[in-house]
Amino acid sequence: LTDLGTFSVEAGRGLCPTIVHGTLHAGLVIDALGTDEQRAALLPALASGKSRATTALGSARDAGVVTPPLRAEARGASWVLNGQVDFVLDAERADYVVVSGRDVATGLNLVCVVATQAASLRLDPLTIMGGQAAACLHFDGVTIEDDLMVLGADGGVTDSQLHRLANTATALLSLDLVGVGEAALQRTVDYTTMRHQFGRPIASFQAAQHLVANMHIALSAARLAARAAVIQLEEGQTATRATAVARMHAATAAKLATLDAHQLHGGMGYVVDTDLHKYSERARVLSTLGGGADVAATWLEGASS
């Protein structure tokens, strides 16, 4: 997991398509909850890039809420899913969506791997900042006949397992935000060193130096907090407290870094002639998806670890 954390930072720095994160998260869910047979059937295609996936285990408004959004009903050897998932990133670009449901007969949680082209599954596209793809998913009697596509069918998936998986996704996305902020910081350092005003580089002015220093301090704290969360998750902990702290730091630092970057660029980052706006858009989307710093602060209430 720490290696994926390193990858996430570099993915953010390079504005890697978010479908890559969705596929990685889906793979982690299957690896954690699936049987050996399910892992052998599902993971190779995801790892090779032949299939792409996205996940919908936590609420888009609050990643700490992992109540399954779907109703699952066993009918013979099949499962029938009904319900709605309000906001799923990259759903139209994915081949599969990993989503949780609750067995109406037993009350146990299930996690299902559903083909996005499945009959009775409707995707309503959403338009959000920066051209990022997302959709609302409507399950109207979606039938899953393959047992390999249902994780936890035997004994169910616990709420603790769902929380840990949601926290893993949040911690890795926090590191992505750190990478976004660090890229904006580096572009700003390069620009202020090159840009001259009043006969000297604007980087030589104390006001500019203070802004850059604050960006660096905030991002360094966010990186440490997110890495601490990833390490705890790798050790098998639920790590809700550490994930909340990581999310709070990363969302705040990414916002600070991109806004101050625009200030030091003279505001020109908002035109498409420079790529700076892309970092701001990514930071805005990822810092609000699953809840911002204010939402993450509520996870600390009652969090034992």
Protein backbone atom coordinates (compact mmCIF):
# COMPACT_ATOMS: atom_id res chain seq x y z
CA LEU A 1 0.00 0.00 0.00
CA THR A 2 2.90 2.37 0.66
CA ASP A 3 4.06 1.80 -2.92
CA LEU A 4 0.61 2.80 -4.14
CA GLY A 5 0.93 5.88 -1.97
CA THR A 6 4.12 6.85 -3.78
CA PHE A 7 2.38 6.23 -7.09
CA SER A 8 -0.57 8.39 -6.02
CA VAL A 9 1.68 11.38 -5.36
CA GLU A 10 3.25 11.08 -8.79
CA ALA A 11 -0.16 10.50 -10.38
CA GLY A 12 -1.37 13.77 -8.91
CA ARG A 13 1.77 15.54 -10.00
CA GLY A 14 1.21 14.35 -13.57
CA LEU A 15 -2.60 14.76 -13.52
CA CYS A 16 -3.05 11.06 -14.21
CA PRO A 17 -6.62 10.25 -15.35
CA THR A 18 -8.78 9.52 -12.32
CA ILE A 19 -10.03 6.26 -13.85
CA VAL A 20 -6.62 4.86 -12.90
CA HIS A 21 -7.38 5.50 -9.23
CA GLY A 22 -10.81 3.93 -9.60
CA THR A 23 -9.28 0.81 -11.11
CA LEU A 24 -6.67 0.59 -8.34
CA HIS A 25 -9.31 1.01 -5.64
CA ALA A 26 -11.48 -1.66 -7.25
CA GLY A 27 -8.51 -4.01 -7.30
CA LEU A 28 -7.85 -3.37 -3.61
CA VAL A 29 -11.49 -4.15 -2.77
CA ILE A 30 -11.45 -7.40 -4.73
CA ASP A 31 -8.12 -8.38 -3.18
CA ALA A 32 -9.39 -7.68 0.33
CA LEU A 33 -12.85 -9.26 0.09
CA GLY A 34 -12.66 -11.80 -2.70
CA THR A 35 -11.90 -15.50 -2.59
CA ASP A 36 -8.85 -16.92 -4.34
CA GLU A 37 -11.10 -17.86 -7.25
CA GLN A 38 -12.53 -14.35 -7.49
CA ARG A 39 -9.10 -12.75 -7.35
CA ALA A 40 -7.84 -15.04 -10.10
CA ALA A 41 -10.86 -14.25 -12.28
CA LEU A 42 -11.07 -10.47 -11.80
CA LEU A 43 -7.68 -9.00 -10.93
CA PRO A 44 -5.56 -9.90 -14.00
CA ALA A 45 -7.75 -7.86 -16.39
CA LEU A 46 -7.63 -4.85 -14.07
CA ALA A 47 -3.89 -5.14 -13.53
CA SER A 48 -3.16 -5.42 -17.25
CA GLY A 49 -5.40 -2.51 -18.19
CA LYS A 50 -7.76 -4.65 -20.28
CA SER A 51 -10.59 -3.63 -17.96
CA ARG A 52 -11.21 -0.40 -16.08
CA ALA A 53 -13.31 0.08 -12.99
CA THR A 54 -14.60 2.60 -10.51
CA THR A 55 -15.90 2.26 -6.97
CA ALA A 56 -18.93 3.47 -5.04
CA LEU A 57 -18.43 2.23 -1.49
CA GLY A 58 -18.56 5.55 0.34
CA SER A 59 -20.94 8.46 -0.09
CA ALA A 60 -19.76 11.15 -2.52
CA ARG A 61 -20.89 13.73 0.04
CA ASP A 62 -19.24 12.02 3.01
CA ALA A 63 -16.76 9.19 2.50
CA GLY A 64 -17.22 8.24 6.14
CA VAL A 65 -20.75 7.05 5.38
CA VAL A 66 -20.52 3.50 4.05
CA THR A 67 -24.16 2.46 4.37
CA PRO A 68 -24.84 0.32 1.27
CA PRO A 69 -26.96 2.31 -1.20
CA LEU A 70 -28.46 -0.74 -2.93
CA ARG A 71 -30.94 -3.43 -1.93
CA ALA A 72 -29.78 -6.93 -2.83
CA GLU A 73 -32.22 -9.81 -3.13
CA ALA A 74 -31.27 -13.43 -3.71
CA ARG A 75 -33.35 -15.16 -6.37
CA GLY A 76 -32.19 -18.70 -6.80
CA ALA A 77 -28.53 -18.60 -7.83
CA SER A 78 -28.75 -14.94 -8.85
CA TRP A 79 -28.77 -11.58 -7.09
CA VAL A 80 -31.04 -8.69 -8.03
CA LEU A 81 -29.96 -5.12 -7.23
CA ASN A 82 -32.22 -2.09 -6.83
CA GLY A 83 -31.47 1.46 -5.77
CA GLN A 84 -29.51 4.52 -6.77
CA VAL A 85 -25.95 5.75 -6.35
CA ASP A 86 -25.93 9.52 -6.67
CA PHE A 87 -22.39 10.32 -7.80
CA VAL A 88 -19.85 7.92 -9.26
CA LEU A 89 -16.62 9.24 -10.73
CA ASP A 90 -15.69 7.93 -14.21
CA ALA A 91 -18.70 5.60 -14.37
CA GLU A 92 -19.12 6.09 -18.13
CA ARG A 93 -15.44 5.35 -18.75
CA ALA A 94 -15.36 2.22 -16.61
CA ASP A 95 -16.17 -1.34 -17.60
CA TYR A 96 -17.20 -2.22 -14.05
CA VAL A 97 -18.41 -0.45 -10.94
CA VAL A 98 -17.74 -1.91 -7.50
CA VAL A 99 -20.72 -1.06 -5.30
CA SER A 100 -22.15 -2.23 -1.98
CA GLY A 101 -25.63 -3.56 -1.30
CA ARG A 102 -27.54 -4.95 1.66
CA ASP A 103 -29.20 -8.36 1.55
CA VAL A 104 -32.88 -7.66 2.26
CA ALA A 105 -33.32 -11.13 3.77
CA THR A 106 -30.35 -11.27 6.16
CA GLY A 107 -29.30 -7.63 6.52
CA LEU A 108 -25.72 -8.57 5.60
CA ASN A 109 -23.58 -6.33 3.42
CA LEU A 110 -22.43 -7.45 -0.01
CA VAL A 111 -20.04 -5.91 -2.49
CA CYS A 112 -20.86 -6.46 -6.14
CA VAL A 113 -18.79 -6.03 -9.28
CA VAL A 114 -21.33 -4.84 -11.85
CA ALA A 115 -20.73 -4.32 -15.56
CA THR A 116 -21.61 -0.74 -16.49
CA GLN A 117 -23.32 -2.10 -19.61
CA ALA A 118 -25.58 -4.39 -17.60
CA ALA A 119 -29.25 -4.52 -18.49
CA SER A 120 -31.50 -2.42 -16.22
CA LEU A 121 -28.58 -0.21 -15.17
CA ARG A 122 -28.99 3.42 -16.25
CA LEU A 123 -26.21 5.98 -16.13
CA ASP A 124 -27.16 9.66 -16.01
CA PRO A 125 -24.07 11.74 -16.91
CA LEU A 126 -23.10 14.69 -14.74
CA THR A 127 -21.12 17.72 -15.87
CA ILE A 128 -18.63 18.93 -13.30
CA MET A 129 -15.58 21.18 -13.16
CA GLY A 130 -12.72 20.60 -15.56
CA GLY A 131 -14.62 18.17 -17.76
CA GLN A 132 -14.33 15.42 -15.15
CA ALA A 133 -16.66 12.52 -15.94
CA ALA A 134 -19.22 11.37 -13.39
CA ALA A 135 -22.69 9.87 -13.39
CA CYS A 136 -25.66 8.91 -11.24
CA LEU A 137 -26.35 5.18 -11.39
CA HIS A 138 -29.89 3.79 -11.28
CA PHE A 139 -30.25 0.05 -10.56
CA ASP A 140 -33.70 -1.14 -11.56
CA GLY A 141 -33.62 -4.90 -11.13
CA VAL A 142 -30.02 -5.41 -12.25
CA THR A 143 -29.38 -9.16 -12.17
CA ILE A 144 -26.02 -10.71 -11.31
CA GLU A 145 -25.89 -14.37 -12.25
CA ASP A 146 -22.15 -14.99 -11.81
CA ASP A 147 -21.14 -15.81 -8.22
CA LEU A 148 -17.66 -14.52 -8.97
CA MET A 149 -19.07 -10.99 -9.20
CA VAL A 150 -20.50 -10.99 -5.65
CA LEU A 151 -18.01 -10.51 -2.81
CA GLY A 152 -18.93 -11.58 0.71
CA ALA A 153 -21.98 -13.60 -0.32
CA ASP A 154 -21.22 -16.34 2.22
CA GLY A 155 -20.70 -14.44 5.47
CA GLY A 156 -21.27 -10.84 4.47
CA VAL A 157 -18.94 -7.85 4.58
CA THR A 158 -18.67 -6.03 7.90
CA ASP A 159 -19.09 -2.28 8.32
CA SER A 160 -15.53 -2.19 9.63
CA GLN A 161 -14.25 -3.71 6.38
CA LEU A 162 -16.20 -1.16 4.34
CA HIS A 163 -14.83 1.68 6.48
CA ARG A 164 -11.27 0.45 6.05
CA LEU A 165 -11.65 0.21 2.27
CA ALA A 166 -13.22 3.67 2.09
CA ASN A 167 -10.42 5.05 4.25
CA THR A 168 -7.85 3.46 1.96
CA ALA A 169 -9.32 5.22 -1.05
CA THR A 170 -9.44 8.52 0.85
CA ALA A 171 -5.84 8.24 2.05
CA LEU A 172 -4.54 7.48 -1.44
CA LEU A 173 -6.55 10.33 -2.96
CA SER A 174 -5.12 12.60 -0.27
CA LEU A 175 -1.66 11.75 -1.56
CA ASP A 176 -2.88 12.48 -5.09
CA LEU A 177 -3.91 15.93 -3.84
CA VAL A 178 -0.44 16.39 -2.37
CA GLY A 179 1.04 15.62 -5.79
CA VAL A 180 -1.30 18.14 -7.43
CA GLY A 181 -0.28 20.80 -4.93
CA GLU A 182 3.42 20.03 -5.27
CA ALA A 183 3.22 20.33 -9.04
CA ALA A 184 1.50 23.71 -8.71
CA LEU A 185 4.18 24.77 -6.23
CA GLN A 186 7.01 23.76 -8.56
CA ARG A 187 5.44 25.60 -11.48
CA THR A 188 5.11 28.66 -9.26
CA VAL A 189 8.75 28.52 -8.14
CA ASP A 190 9.85 28.22 -11.77
CA TYR A 191 7.65 31.12 -12.85
CA THR A 192 8.59 33.50 -10.04
CA THR A 193 12.27 32.79 -10.64
CA MET A 194 11.93 33.56 -14.33
CA ARG A 195 9.51 36.51 -14.14
CA HIS A 196 11.21 39.87 -13.63
CA GLN A 197 9.58 43.03 -12.32
CA PHE A 198 11.21 46.25 -11.11
CA GLY A 199 14.49 44.92 -12.46
CA ARG A 200 14.61 41.73 -10.38
CA PRO A 201 12.95 38.29 -10.22
CA ILE A 202 9.67 38.45 -8.32
CA ALA A 203 10.88 35.46 -6.31
CA SER A 204 13.29 37.84 -4.59
CA PHE A 205 10.44 39.78 -2.97
CA GLN A 206 9.66 38.75 0.59
CA ALA A 207 5.90 38.71 0.04
CA ALA A 208 6.30 36.12 -2.73
CA GLN A 209 8.73 34.11 -0.61
CA HIS A 210 6.25 33.99 2.26
CA LEU A 211 3.50 32.63 0.02
CA VAL A 212 5.77 29.95 -1.44
CA ALA A 213 7.02 28.99 2.02
CA ASN A 214 3.46 28.61 3.30
CA MET A 215 2.58 26.42 0.32
CA HIS A 216 5.58 24.20 1.01
CA ILE A 217 4.84 23.91 4.74
CA ALA A 218 1.18 23.02 4.16
CA LEU A 219 2.00 20.40 1.52
CA SER A 220 4.75 18.84 3.63
CA ALA A 221 2.33 18.46 6.55
CA ALA A 222 -0.29 16.94 4.24
CA ARG A 223 2.21 14.47 2.80
CA LEU A 224 3.28 13.31 6.28
CA ALA A 225 -0.32 12.98 7.47
CA ALA A 226 -1.41 11.01 4.40
CA ARG A 227 1.59 8.70 4.53
CA ALA A 228 0.91 8.03 8.21
CA ALA A 229 -2.66 7.02 7.32
CA VAL A 230 -1.45 4.72 4.54
CA ILE A 231 1.04 3.04 6.87
CA GLN A 232 -1.65 2.38 9.48
CA LEU A 233 -3.98 0.99 6.82
CA GLU A 234 -1.22 -1.25 5.51
CA GLU A 235 -0.83 -2.63 9.04
CA GLY A 236 -4.50 -3.66 8.98
CA GLN A 237 -5.93 -0.83 11.06
CA THR A 238 -9.14 0.97 10.14
CA ALA A 239 -7.24 4.24 10.66
CA THR A 240 -10.27 6.53 10.68
CA ARG A 241 -8.55 9.18 12.82
CA ALA A 242 -5.39 9.20 10.70
CA THR A 243 -7.42 9.28 7.49
CA ALA A 244 -9.46 12.22 8.76
CA VAL A 245 -6.32 14.16 9.62
CA ALA A 246 -4.82 13.32 6.22
CA ARG A 247 -7.95 14.43 4.41
CA MET A 248 -8.16 17.68 6.34
CA HIS A 249 -4.53 18.55 5.65
CA ALA A 250 -4.58 17.49 1.99
CA ALA A 251 -7.80 19.28 1.07
CA THR A 252 -6.67 22.46 2.79
CA ALA A 253 -3.13 22.37 1.41
CA ALA A 254 -4.23 21.71 -2.17
CA LYS A 255 -6.63 24.65 -2.03
CA LEU A 256 -3.97 26.93 -0.55
CA ALA A 257 -1.30 25.85 -3.03
CA THR A 258 -3.42 26.30 -6.14
CA LEU A 259 -4.97 29.61 -5.07
CA ASP A 260 -1.61 31.11 -4.10
CA ALA A 261 -0.13 29.77 -7.32
CA HIS A 262 -2.68 31.82 -9.24
CA GLN A 263 -1.85 34.88 -7.16
CA LEU A 264 1.85 34.56 -7.92
CA HIS A 265 1.15 33.95 -11.58
CA GLY A 266 -0.76 37.23 -11.65
CA GLY A 267 -4.05 35.39 -12.10
CA MET A 268 -3.11 34.22 -15.58
CA GLY A 269 -3.56 30.60 -14.57
CA TYR A 270 -7.29 30.89 -15.20
CA VAL A 271 -6.79 31.12 -18.95
CA VAL A 272 -6.26 27.98 -20.99
CA ASP A 273 -2.96 29.25 -22.39
CA THR A 274 -1.30 27.87 -19.27
CA ASP A 275 -1.83 24.49 -17.64
CA LEU A 276 -2.12 25.87 -14.11
CA HIS A 277 -5.92 25.86 -14.30
CA LYS A 278 -5.86 22.08 -14.73
CA TYR A 279 -4.24 21.65 -11.33
CA SER A 280 -6.78 23.95 -9.70
CA GLU A 281 -9.66 22.04 -11.27
CA ARG A 282 -8.25 18.68 -10.16
CA ALA A 283 -7.65 20.01 -6.65
CA ARG A 284 -11.19 21.36 -6.47
CA VAL A 285 -12.80 18.10 -7.59
CA LEU A 286 -10.72 15.76 -5.42
CA SER A 287 -10.84 17.98 -2.34
CA THR A 288 -14.65 17.96 -2.35
CA LEU A 289 -15.30 14.38 -3.49
CA GLY A 290 -16.22 12.42 -0.38
CA GLY A 291 -16.34 15.60 1.66
CA GLY A 292 -13.87 18.39 2.26
CA ALA A 293 -11.87 19.25 5.36
CA ASP A 294 -15.00 20.24 7.28
CA VAL A 295 -16.62 16.86 6.63
CA ALA A 296 -13.41 14.98 7.47
CA ALA A 297 -13.31 16.77 10.83
CA THR A 298 -16.56 15.04 11.80
CA TRP A 299 -14.87 11.64 11.38
CA LEU A 300 -12.76 12.41 14.43
CA GLU A 301 -15.83 12.22 16.67
CA GLY A 302 -15.73 8.87 18.36
CA ALA A 303 -12.87 7.58 16.19
CA SER A 304 -10.79 5.19 18.29
CA SER A 305 -8.12 4.63 15.65
